[in-house]
Amino acid sequence: MNGQELFQTLTDIDDGLILEAEEAPPRQKPFRGLLRYAAAACLALVVVFTAIFATNALNMEPRLRYTVRYRERYVTYLMKVTAVQWGSMPEYTPDWLPGRYVPVREYRQDRTRDVTYQSSVDEGEYLWFHYRHITENTTHKLADLPLGSYETWDVDIGGKPGAVYRFTDGRTGGYLIWMDEESCTMLMLSFRHEDIDEMLRIARSVRKETK
């Protein structure tokens, strides 16, 4: 084919084909499409994990961790809160008390409640029920349990850790202390008689109510 024939062939191309070629959109590179899909997938994962984290933060169970020091001047509880419980705190009430006990005084302040019971048989016999919701790292010192004035042993109160402190210095009675770690609450019975089993029964009857 000489130059004249080549020119004739090129000039005989259909004008419609040339117009379609000019109007056709440029073909996207496959790599760019993959990047867009990957970016969308990453964004979706971020949204999902953010929602999960926020839900877990809202539903986070409060936790109370504590240690007891016996070698200081007094028995001292060191309490550390790992998550704060917001809103109303649970109430605790003994479901069982010996018939001789009658409530004579109740005191509430912020996150503390004290109830004093007096024996109808012996006016000098009292039972003191106390609980305290812990919202920050703190200590609780038992000033009337100095070194050498008590004996102690661990007990289980409905699956919750506790301890009995019985006076050995001539006084009658002692303390029963246990922890509701999930609700960050320290509970205590102070008693003035020798029936430890009775105190354990009272403690194990305590009902927890969340409003």
C-alpha atoms as a PDB file:
ATOM      1  CA  MET A   1       0.000   0.000   0.000  1.00  0.00           C
ATOM      2  CA  ASN A   2       1.464   3.348  -1.084  1.00  0.00           C
ATOM      3  CA  GLY A   3       1.039   6.634   0.735  1.00  0.00           C
ATOM      4  CA  GLN A   4      -2.022   7.663  -1.281  1.00  0.00           C
ATOM      5  CA  GLU A   5      -3.873   4.426  -0.438  1.00  0.00           C
ATOM      6  CA  LEU A   6      -2.989   4.707   3.274  1.00  0.00           C
ATOM      7  CA  PHE A   7      -4.312   8.256   3.406  1.00  0.00           C
ATOM      8  CA  GLN A   8      -7.501   7.156   1.664  1.00  0.00           C
ATOM      9  CA  THR A   9      -8.000   4.313   4.164  1.00  0.00           C
ATOM     10  CA  LEU A  10      -7.558   6.578   7.176  1.00  0.00           C
ATOM     11  CA  THR A  11      -9.892   9.230   5.859  1.00  0.00           C
ATOM     12  CA  ASP A  12     -12.603   6.600   5.159  1.00  0.00           C
ATOM     13  CA  ILE A  13     -13.124   5.895   8.952  1.00  0.00           C
ATOM     14  CA  ASP A  14     -16.762   6.361  10.000  1.00  0.00           C
ATOM     15  CA  ASP A  15     -17.310   9.731  11.690  1.00  0.00           C
ATOM     16  CA  GLY A  16     -19.727   8.072  14.127  1.00  0.00           C
ATOM     17  CA  LEU A  17     -16.985   5.847  15.475  1.00  0.00           C
ATOM     18  CA  ILE A  18     -14.753   8.869  16.004  1.00  0.00           C
ATOM     19  CA  LEU A  19     -17.555  10.681  17.884  1.00  0.00           C
ATOM     20  CA  GLU A  20     -18.229   7.665  20.121  1.00  0.00           C
ATOM     21  CA  ALA A  21     -14.542   7.428  20.922  1.00  0.00           C
ATOM     22  CA  GLU A  22     -14.466  11.085  21.905  1.00  0.00           C
ATOM     23  CA  GLU A  23     -17.563  10.800  24.134  1.00  0.00           C
ATOM     24  CA  ALA A  24     -16.608   7.530  25.888  1.00  0.00           C
ATOM     25  CA  PRO A  25     -15.584   8.128  29.561  1.00  0.00           C
ATOM     26  CA  PRO A  26     -12.052   7.225  30.466  1.00  0.00           C
ATOM     27  CA  ARG A  27     -11.763   3.760  31.973  1.00  0.00           C
ATOM     28  CA  GLN A  28     -10.981   3.784  35.657  1.00  0.00           C
ATOM     29  CA  LYS A  29      -8.010   1.911  36.870  1.00  0.00           C
ATOM     30  CA  PRO A  30      -9.002  -1.193  38.893  1.00  0.00           C
ATOM     31  CA  PHE A  31      -6.549  -0.275  41.645  1.00  0.00           C
ATOM     32  CA  ARG A  32      -8.444   2.902  42.515  1.00  0.00           C
ATOM     33  CA  GLY A  33     -11.683   0.961  42.902  1.00  0.00           C
ATOM     34  CA  LEU A  34     -10.058  -1.464  45.315  1.00  0.00           C
ATOM     35  CA  LEU A  35      -8.773   1.415  47.403  1.00  0.00           C
ATOM     36  CA  ARG A  36     -12.263   2.854  47.661  1.00  0.00           C
ATOM     37  CA  TYR A  37     -13.721  -0.480  48.803  1.00  0.00           C
ATOM     38  CA  ALA A  38     -10.934  -0.901  51.357  1.00  0.00           C
ATOM     39  CA  ALA A  39     -11.482   2.597  52.748  1.00  0.00           C
ATOM     40  CA  ALA A  40     -15.226   1.974  53.091  1.00  0.00           C
ATOM     41  CA  ALA A  41     -14.598  -1.326  54.879  1.00  0.00           C
ATOM     42  CA  CYS A  42     -12.177   0.310  57.322  1.00  0.00           C
ATOM     43  CA  LEU A  43     -14.663   3.053  58.075  1.00  0.00           C
ATOM     44  CA  ALA A  44     -17.364   0.486  58.783  1.00  0.00           C
ATOM     45  CA  LEU A  45     -15.065  -1.372  61.184  1.00  0.00           C
ATOM     46  CA  VAL A  46     -14.236   1.844  63.018  1.00  0.00           C
ATOM     47  CA  VAL A  47     -17.935   2.605  63.463  1.00  0.00           C
ATOM     48  CA  VAL A  48     -18.678  -0.921  64.739  1.00  0.00           C
ATOM     49  CA  PHE A  49     -15.794  -1.000  67.224  1.00  0.00           C
ATOM     50  CA  THR A  50     -16.627   2.494  68.463  1.00  0.00           C
ATOM     51  CA  ALA A  51     -20.207   1.417  69.138  1.00  0.00           C
ATOM     52  CA  ILE A  52     -19.038  -1.723  70.963  1.00  0.00           C
ATOM     53  CA  PHE A  53     -16.599   0.258  73.100  1.00  0.00           C
ATOM     54  CA  ALA A  54     -19.226   2.841  74.000  1.00  0.00           C
ATOM     55  CA  THR A  55     -21.717   0.136  74.956  1.00  0.00           C
ATOM     56  CA  ASN A  56     -19.186  -1.655  77.128  1.00  0.00           C
ATOM     57  CA  ALA A  57     -18.225   1.613  78.803  1.00  0.00           C
ATOM     58  CA  LEU A  58     -21.854   2.316  79.664  1.00  0.00           C
ATOM     59  CA  ASN A  59     -22.388  -1.223  80.934  1.00  0.00           C
ATOM     60  CA  MET A  60     -19.078  -1.474  82.739  1.00  0.00           C
ATOM     61  CA  GLU A  61     -19.465  -3.306  86.011  1.00  0.00           C
ATOM     62  CA  PRO A  62     -18.024  -1.397  88.945  1.00  0.00           C
ATOM     63  CA  ARG A  63     -15.358  -3.206  90.890  1.00  0.00           C
ATOM     64  CA  LEU A  64     -13.963  -2.773  94.373  1.00  0.00           C
ATOM     65  CA  ARG A  65     -10.563  -4.114  95.294  1.00  0.00           C
ATOM     66  CA  TYR A  66      -9.379  -4.043  98.873  1.00  0.00           C
ATOM     67  CA  THR A  67      -6.613  -5.158 101.180  1.00  0.00           C
ATOM     68  CA  VAL A  68      -6.538  -5.331 104.977  1.00  0.00           C
ATOM     69  CA  ARG A  69      -3.584  -4.224 107.044  1.00  0.00           C
ATOM     70  CA  TYR A  70      -3.245  -5.825 110.451  1.00  0.00           C
ATOM     71  CA  ARG A  71       0.217  -4.666 111.410  1.00  0.00           C
ATOM     72  CA  GLU A  72      -0.644  -0.996 111.762  1.00  0.00           C
ATOM     73  CA  ARG A  73      -1.961   0.480 114.996  1.00  0.00           C
ATOM     74  CA  TYR A  74      -5.539  -0.404 114.028  1.00  0.00           C
ATOM     75  CA  VAL A  75      -7.163  -2.747 111.522  1.00  0.00           C
ATOM     76  CA  THR A  76      -7.274  -0.720 108.299  1.00  0.00           C
ATOM     77  CA  TYR A  77      -9.078  -1.468 105.060  1.00  0.00           C
ATOM     78  CA  LEU A  78      -7.510  -0.004 101.915  1.00  0.00           C
ATOM     79  CA  MET A  79     -10.126   0.191  99.161  1.00  0.00           C
ATOM     80  CA  LYS A  80      -9.577   0.883  95.475  1.00  0.00           C
ATOM     81  CA  VAL A  81     -12.413   1.465  93.017  1.00  0.00           C
ATOM     82  CA  THR A  82     -11.686   0.327  89.459  1.00  0.00           C
ATOM     83  CA  ALA A  83     -15.005   1.544  87.974  1.00  0.00           C
ATOM     84  CA  VAL A  84     -17.562   3.955  89.400  1.00  0.00           C
ATOM     85  CA  GLN A  85     -21.234   3.071  89.459  1.00  0.00           C
ATOM     86  CA  TRP A  86     -23.398   6.007  88.427  1.00  0.00           C
ATOM     87  CA  GLY A  87     -26.986   6.621  89.429  1.00  0.00           C
ATOM     88  CA  SER A  88     -28.842   5.177  92.385  1.00  0.00           C
ATOM     89  CA  MET A  89     -27.041   2.720  94.614  1.00  0.00           C
ATOM     90  CA  PRO A  90     -28.565  -0.538  95.906  1.00  0.00           C
ATOM     91  CA  GLU A  91     -30.178  -0.804  99.327  1.00  0.00           C
ATOM     92  CA  TYR A  92     -29.335  -3.560 101.822  1.00  0.00           C
ATOM     93  CA  THR A  93     -31.746  -4.859 104.456  1.00  0.00           C
ATOM     94  CA  PRO A  94     -31.528  -7.891 106.775  1.00  0.00           C
ATOM     95  CA  ASP A  95     -34.373 -10.315 106.087  1.00  0.00           C
ATOM     96  CA  TRP A  96     -33.812 -12.080 109.389  1.00  0.00           C
ATOM     97  CA  LEU A  97     -33.169 -10.695 112.873  1.00  0.00           C
ATOM     98  CA  PRO A  98     -33.603 -12.308 116.286  1.00  0.00           C
ATOM     99  CA  GLY A  99     -36.999 -11.380 117.699  1.00  0.00           C
ATOM    100  CA  ARG A 100     -35.471  -9.475 120.584  1.00  0.00           C
ATOM    101  CA  TYR A 101     -33.999  -6.766 118.323  1.00  0.00           C
ATOM    102  CA  VAL A 102     -36.008  -3.602 117.686  1.00  0.00           C
ATOM    103  CA  PRO A 103     -34.798  -0.762 115.411  1.00  0.00           C
ATOM    104  CA  VAL A 104     -34.308   2.390 117.478  1.00  0.00           C
ATOM    105  CA  ARG A 105     -32.353   4.693 115.200  1.00  0.00           C
ATOM    106  CA  GLU A 106     -31.518   5.084 111.492  1.00  0.00           C
ATOM    107  CA  TYR A 107     -29.067   7.464 109.917  1.00  0.00           C
ATOM    108  CA  ARG A 108     -28.479   8.206 106.229  1.00  0.00           C
ATOM    109  CA  GLN A 109     -26.017  10.519 104.594  1.00  0.00           C
ATOM    110  CA  ASP A 110     -25.021  10.515 100.934  1.00  0.00           C
ATOM    111  CA  ARG A 111     -23.955   6.914 100.324  1.00  0.00           C
ATOM    112  CA  THR A 112     -23.928   5.693 103.926  1.00  0.00           C
ATOM    113  CA  ARG A 113     -26.646   4.059 106.019  1.00  0.00           C
ATOM    114  CA  ASP A 114     -26.576   3.078 109.692  1.00  0.00           C
ATOM    115  CA  VAL A 115     -29.329   1.232 111.558  1.00  0.00           C
ATOM    116  CA  THR A 116     -29.148   0.632 115.306  1.00  0.00           C
ATOM    117  CA  TYR A 117     -31.120  -2.191 116.903  1.00  0.00           C
ATOM    118  CA  GLN A 118     -31.656  -2.589 120.649  1.00  0.00           C
ATOM    119  CA  SER A 119     -32.489  -5.763 122.494  1.00  0.00           C
ATOM    120  CA  SER A 120     -35.885  -5.776 124.190  1.00  0.00           C
ATOM    121  CA  VAL A 121     -34.495  -8.260 126.710  1.00  0.00           C
ATOM    122  CA  ASP A 122     -31.275  -6.502 127.635  1.00  0.00           C
ATOM    123  CA  GLU A 123     -31.245  -2.723 127.135  1.00  0.00           C
ATOM    124  CA  GLY A 124     -27.468  -2.751 127.126  1.00  0.00           C
ATOM    125  CA  GLU A 125     -27.295  -5.047 124.094  1.00  0.00           C
ATOM    126  CA  TYR A 126     -27.122  -3.316 120.725  1.00  0.00           C
ATOM    127  CA  LEU A 127     -26.641  -4.410 117.157  1.00  0.00           C
ATOM    128  CA  TRP A 128     -25.363  -1.934 114.611  1.00  0.00           C
ATOM    129  CA  PHE A 129     -25.820  -2.521 110.854  1.00  0.00           C
ATOM    130  CA  HIS A 130     -23.825  -0.260 108.581  1.00  0.00           C
ATOM    131  CA  TYR A 131     -23.019  -0.108 104.888  1.00  0.00           C
ATOM    132  CA  ARG A 132     -21.099   2.352 102.802  1.00  0.00           C
ATOM    133  CA  HIS A 133     -20.902   2.737  99.028  1.00  0.00           C
ATOM    134  CA  ILE A 134     -17.335   3.404  97.935  1.00  0.00           C
ATOM    135  CA  THR A 135     -16.966   5.822  95.004  1.00  0.00           C
ATOM    136  CA  GLU A 136     -13.276   6.654  95.250  1.00  0.00           C
ATOM    137  CA  ASN A 137     -10.077   5.201  96.609  1.00  0.00           C
ATOM    138  CA  THR A 138     -10.214   5.434 100.384  1.00  0.00           C
ATOM    139  CA  THR A 139      -9.352   3.803 103.700  1.00  0.00           C
ATOM    140  CA  HIS A 140     -11.542   2.622 106.577  1.00  0.00           C
ATOM    141  CA  LYS A 141      -9.893   2.385 109.974  1.00  0.00           C
ATOM    142  CA  LEU A 142     -11.426   0.436 112.862  1.00  0.00           C
ATOM    143  CA  ALA A 143     -10.221   2.543 115.768  1.00  0.00           C
ATOM    144  CA  ASP A 144     -11.486   0.152 118.445  1.00  0.00           C
ATOM    145  CA  LEU A 145      -9.537  -2.790 116.998  1.00  0.00           C
ATOM    146  CA  PRO A 146      -5.982  -2.014 118.065  1.00  0.00           C
ATOM    147  CA  LEU A 147      -3.290  -4.635 117.802  1.00  0.00           C
ATOM    148  CA  GLY A 148      -3.651  -7.465 120.283  1.00  0.00           C
ATOM    149  CA  SER A 149      -7.313  -6.760 121.095  1.00  0.00           C
ATOM    150  CA  TYR A 150      -9.002  -9.264 118.773  1.00  0.00           C
ATOM    151  CA  GLU A 151      -8.889 -12.541 116.919  1.00  0.00           C
ATOM    152  CA  THR A 152      -9.998 -12.794 113.296  1.00  0.00           C
ATOM    153  CA  TRP A 153     -10.918 -15.352 110.663  1.00  0.00           C
ATOM    154  CA  ASP A 154     -12.311 -15.263 107.131  1.00  0.00           C
ATOM    155  CA  VAL A 155     -15.943 -16.094 106.355  1.00  0.00           C
ATOM    156  CA  ASP A 156     -18.128 -16.389 103.282  1.00  0.00           C
ATOM    157  CA  ILE A 157     -21.301 -14.276 103.160  1.00  0.00           C
ATOM    158  CA  GLY A 158     -23.417 -15.461 100.249  1.00  0.00           C
ATOM    159  CA  GLY A 159     -20.371 -15.827  98.011  1.00  0.00           C
ATOM    160  CA  LYS A 160     -18.887 -12.515  99.155  1.00  0.00           C
ATOM    161  CA  PRO A 161     -15.620 -12.295 101.097  1.00  0.00           C
ATOM    162  CA  GLY A 162     -15.819 -11.333 104.745  1.00  0.00           C
ATOM    163  CA  ALA A 163     -14.089 -11.520 108.096  1.00  0.00           C
ATOM    164  CA  VAL A 164     -15.045 -11.824 111.768  1.00  0.00           C
ATOM    165  CA  TYR A 165     -13.199  -9.739 114.376  1.00  0.00           C
ATOM    166  CA  ARG A 166     -13.945 -10.907 117.920  1.00  0.00           C
ATOM    167  CA  PHE A 167     -12.679  -8.963 120.924  1.00  0.00           C
ATOM    168  CA  THR A 168     -10.165 -10.764 123.136  1.00  0.00           C
ATOM    169  CA  ASP A 169      -9.365  -7.907 125.535  1.00  0.00           C
ATOM    170  CA  GLY A 170     -12.250  -8.391 127.966  1.00  0.00           C
ATOM    171  CA  ARG A 171     -14.930  -6.765 125.836  1.00  0.00           C
ATOM    172  CA  THR A 172     -17.882  -8.755 124.522  1.00  0.00           C
ATOM    173  CA  GLY A 173     -18.708  -8.963 120.825  1.00  0.00           C
ATOM    174  CA  GLY A 174     -16.870  -7.691 117.793  1.00  0.00           C
ATOM    175  CA  TYR A 175     -17.364  -6.991 114.105  1.00  0.00           C
ATOM    176  CA  LEU A 176     -18.452  -8.867 111.019  1.00  0.00           C
ATOM    177  CA  ILE A 177     -17.334  -7.144 107.811  1.00  0.00           C
ATOM    178  CA  TRP A 178     -17.960  -8.228 104.226  1.00  0.00           C
ATOM    179  CA  MET A 179     -17.686  -6.712 100.755  1.00  0.00           C
ATOM    180  CA  ASP A 180     -20.024  -6.520  97.794  1.00  0.00           C
ATOM    181  CA  GLU A 181     -17.283  -5.886  95.271  1.00  0.00           C
ATOM    182  CA  GLU A 182     -19.632  -5.626  92.262  1.00  0.00           C
ATOM    183  CA  SER A 183     -21.574  -2.759  93.844  1.00  0.00           C
ATOM    184  CA  CYS A 184     -18.534  -1.219  95.546  1.00  0.00           C
ATOM    185  CA  THR A 185     -20.079  -1.584  98.985  1.00  0.00           C
ATOM    186  CA  MET A 186     -18.591  -2.286 102.409  1.00  0.00           C
ATOM    187  CA  LEU A 187     -21.067  -3.854 104.883  1.00  0.00           C
ATOM    188  CA  MET A 188     -20.623  -4.261 108.611  1.00  0.00           C
ATOM    189  CA  LEU A 189     -22.333  -5.679 111.699  1.00  0.00           C
ATOM    190  CA  SER A 190     -21.133  -4.493 115.079  1.00  0.00           C
ATOM    191  CA  PHE A 191     -22.383  -6.728 117.890  1.00  0.00           C
ATOM    192  CA  ARG A 192     -22.022  -6.986 121.667  1.00  0.00           C
ATOM    193  CA  HIS A 193     -22.565 -10.655 122.477  1.00  0.00           C
ATOM    194  CA  GLU A 194     -20.802 -13.958 121.897  1.00  0.00           C
ATOM    195  CA  ASP A 195     -23.123 -15.656 119.397  1.00  0.00           C
ATOM    196  CA  ILE A 196     -21.077 -15.463 116.187  1.00  0.00           C
ATOM    197  CA  ASP A 197     -23.353 -17.914 114.379  1.00  0.00           C
ATOM    198  CA  GLU A 198     -26.280 -15.572 114.949  1.00  0.00           C
ATOM    199  CA  MET A 199     -24.369 -12.701 113.377  1.00  0.00           C
ATOM    200  CA  LEU A 200     -23.461 -14.853 110.388  1.00  0.00           C
ATOM    201  CA  ARG A 201     -27.109 -15.774 109.921  1.00  0.00           C
ATOM    202  CA  ILE A 202     -28.117 -12.092 109.975  1.00  0.00           C
ATOM    203  CA  ALA A 203     -25.417 -11.182 107.452  1.00  0.00           C
ATOM    204  CA  ARG A 204     -26.356 -14.003 105.096  1.00  0.00           C
ATOM    205  CA  SER A 205     -29.984 -12.881 105.176  1.00  0.00           C
ATOM    206  CA  VAL A 206     -29.199  -9.355 103.960  1.00  0.00           C
ATOM    207  CA  ARG A 207     -31.212  -8.591 100.843  1.00  0.00           C
ATOM    208  CA  LYS A 208     -29.874  -6.364  98.098  1.00  0.00           C
ATOM    209  CA  GLU A 209     -32.363  -4.183  96.226  1.00  0.00           C
ATOM    210  CA  THR A 210     -31.567  -1.971  93.271  1.00  0.00           C
ATOM    211  CA  LYS A 211     -34.011   0.839  92.627  1.00  0.00           C
END
